[in-house]
């Protein structure tokens, strides 16, 4: 068996996910919680861009 699911709109911070499997005989298996800490990514300037900005301001 293979499973896949994605949370396309996760809440920022800590969330808990758990898989519950029910087979054809209606028997349940509940797996351990998975703790996920989601932080929204921020744009970071590359070091090359920072270096170029510094060089340009030094020439003034």
C-alpha atoms as a PDB file:
ATOM      1  CA  UNK A   1       0.000   0.000   0.000  1.00  0.00           C
ATOM      2  CA  UNK A   2       1.059   3.544  -0.620  1.00  0.00           C
ATOM      3  CA  UNK A   3      -0.416   6.746   0.796  1.00  0.00           C
ATOM      4  CA  UNK A   4       0.083  10.389  -0.003  1.00  0.00           C
ATOM      5  CA  UNK A   5      -1.537  13.559   1.224  1.00  0.00           C
ATOM      6  CA  UNK A   6      -0.390  17.148   1.459  1.00  0.00           C
ATOM      7  CA  UNK A   7      -1.488  20.112   3.512  1.00  0.00           C
ATOM      8  CA  UNK A   8      -1.467  22.856   0.888  1.00  0.00           C
ATOM      9  CA  UNK A   9      -2.523  25.541   3.366  1.00  0.00           C
ATOM     10  CA  UNK A  10      -0.641  24.755   6.590  1.00  0.00           C
ATOM     11  CA  UNK A  11      -1.135  26.971   9.622  1.00  0.00           C
ATOM     12  CA  UNK A  12       2.005  28.808  10.670  1.00  0.00           C
ATOM     13  CA  UNK A  13       3.532  27.341  13.815  1.00  0.00           C
ATOM     14  CA  UNK A  14       3.242  23.813  15.163  1.00  0.00           C
ATOM     15  CA  UNK A  15       0.761  21.294  13.744  1.00  0.00           C
ATOM     16  CA  UNK A  16       0.270  17.609  14.508  1.00  0.00           C
ATOM     17  CA  UNK A  17      -0.567  14.985  11.895  1.00  0.00           C
ATOM     18  CA  UNK A  18      -1.580  11.359  12.386  1.00  0.00           C
ATOM     19  CA  UNK A  19      -2.380   8.519  10.017  1.00  0.00           C
ATOM     20  CA  UNK A  20      -5.380   6.322  10.785  1.00  0.00           C
ATOM     21  CA  UNK A  21      -5.695   3.228   8.609  1.00  0.00           C
ATOM     22  CA  UNK A  22      -8.900   1.186   8.349  1.00  0.00           C
ATOM     23  CA  UNK A  23      -8.699  -2.116   6.495  1.00  0.00           C
ATOM     24  CA  UNK A  24     -11.425  -4.050   4.694  1.00  0.00           C
ATOM     25  CA  UNK A  25     -12.343  -5.898   7.921  1.00  0.00           C
ATOM     26  CA  UNK A  26     -12.992  -2.490   9.542  1.00  0.00           C
ATOM     27  CA  UNK A  27      -9.956  -2.883  11.821  1.00  0.00           C
ATOM     28  CA  UNK A  28      -8.207   0.371  12.694  1.00  0.00           C
ATOM     29  CA  UNK A  29      -4.519   1.089  13.099  1.00  0.00           C
ATOM     30  CA  UNK A  30      -3.585   4.547  14.387  1.00  0.00           C
ATOM     31  CA  UNK A  31       0.028   5.632  13.962  1.00  0.00           C
ATOM     32  CA  UNK A  32       2.044   8.011  16.110  1.00  0.00           C
ATOM     33  CA  UNK A  33       1.635  11.759  15.777  1.00  0.00           C
ATOM     34  CA  UNK A  34       4.079  13.654  13.592  1.00  0.00           C
ATOM     35  CA  UNK A  35       4.908  17.137  14.884  1.00  0.00           C
ATOM     36  CA  UNK A  36       5.557  19.672  12.107  1.00  0.00           C
ATOM     37  CA  UNK A  37       6.786  23.227  12.733  1.00  0.00           C
ATOM     38  CA  UNK A  38       5.899  25.328   9.693  1.00  0.00           C
ATOM     39  CA  UNK A  39       7.524  28.704   9.124  1.00  0.00           C
ATOM     40  CA  UNK A  40       6.748  30.678   5.994  1.00  0.00           C
ATOM     41  CA  UNK A  41       9.834  31.236   3.860  1.00  0.00           C
ATOM     42  CA  UNK A  42      11.233  34.722   3.482  1.00  0.00           C
ATOM     43  CA  UNK A  43      13.081  36.042   0.454  1.00  0.00           C
ATOM     44  CA  UNK A  44      16.816  36.358   1.123  1.00  0.00           C
ATOM     45  CA  UNK A  45      19.200  38.438  -0.972  1.00  0.00           C
ATOM     46  CA  UNK A  46      22.152  36.506  -2.292  1.00  0.00           C
ATOM     47  CA  UNK A  47      25.609  37.415  -0.999  1.00  0.00           C
ATOM     48  CA  UNK A  48      26.523  38.488  -4.548  1.00  0.00           C
ATOM     49  CA  UNK A  49      23.754  41.079  -4.541  1.00  0.00           C
ATOM     50  CA  UNK A  50      24.828  42.356  -1.114  1.00  0.00           C
ATOM     51  CA  UNK A  51      28.445  42.609  -2.301  1.00  0.00           C
ATOM     52  CA  UNK A  52      27.424  44.570  -5.400  1.00  0.00           C
ATOM     53  CA  UNK A  53      25.316  46.979  -3.350  1.00  0.00           C
ATOM     54  CA  UNK A  54      28.233  47.570  -0.970  1.00  0.00           C
ATOM     55  CA  UNK A  55      30.652  48.221  -3.846  1.00  0.00           C
ATOM     56  CA  UNK A  56      28.254  50.683  -5.454  1.00  0.00           C
ATOM     57  CA  UNK A  57      27.790  52.646  -2.224  1.00  0.00           C
ATOM     58  CA  UNK A  58      31.573  52.724  -1.562  1.00  0.00           C
ATOM     59  CA  UNK A  59      32.198  54.530  -4.855  1.00  0.00           C
ATOM     60  CA  UNK A  60      29.988  57.482  -3.895  1.00  0.00           C
END
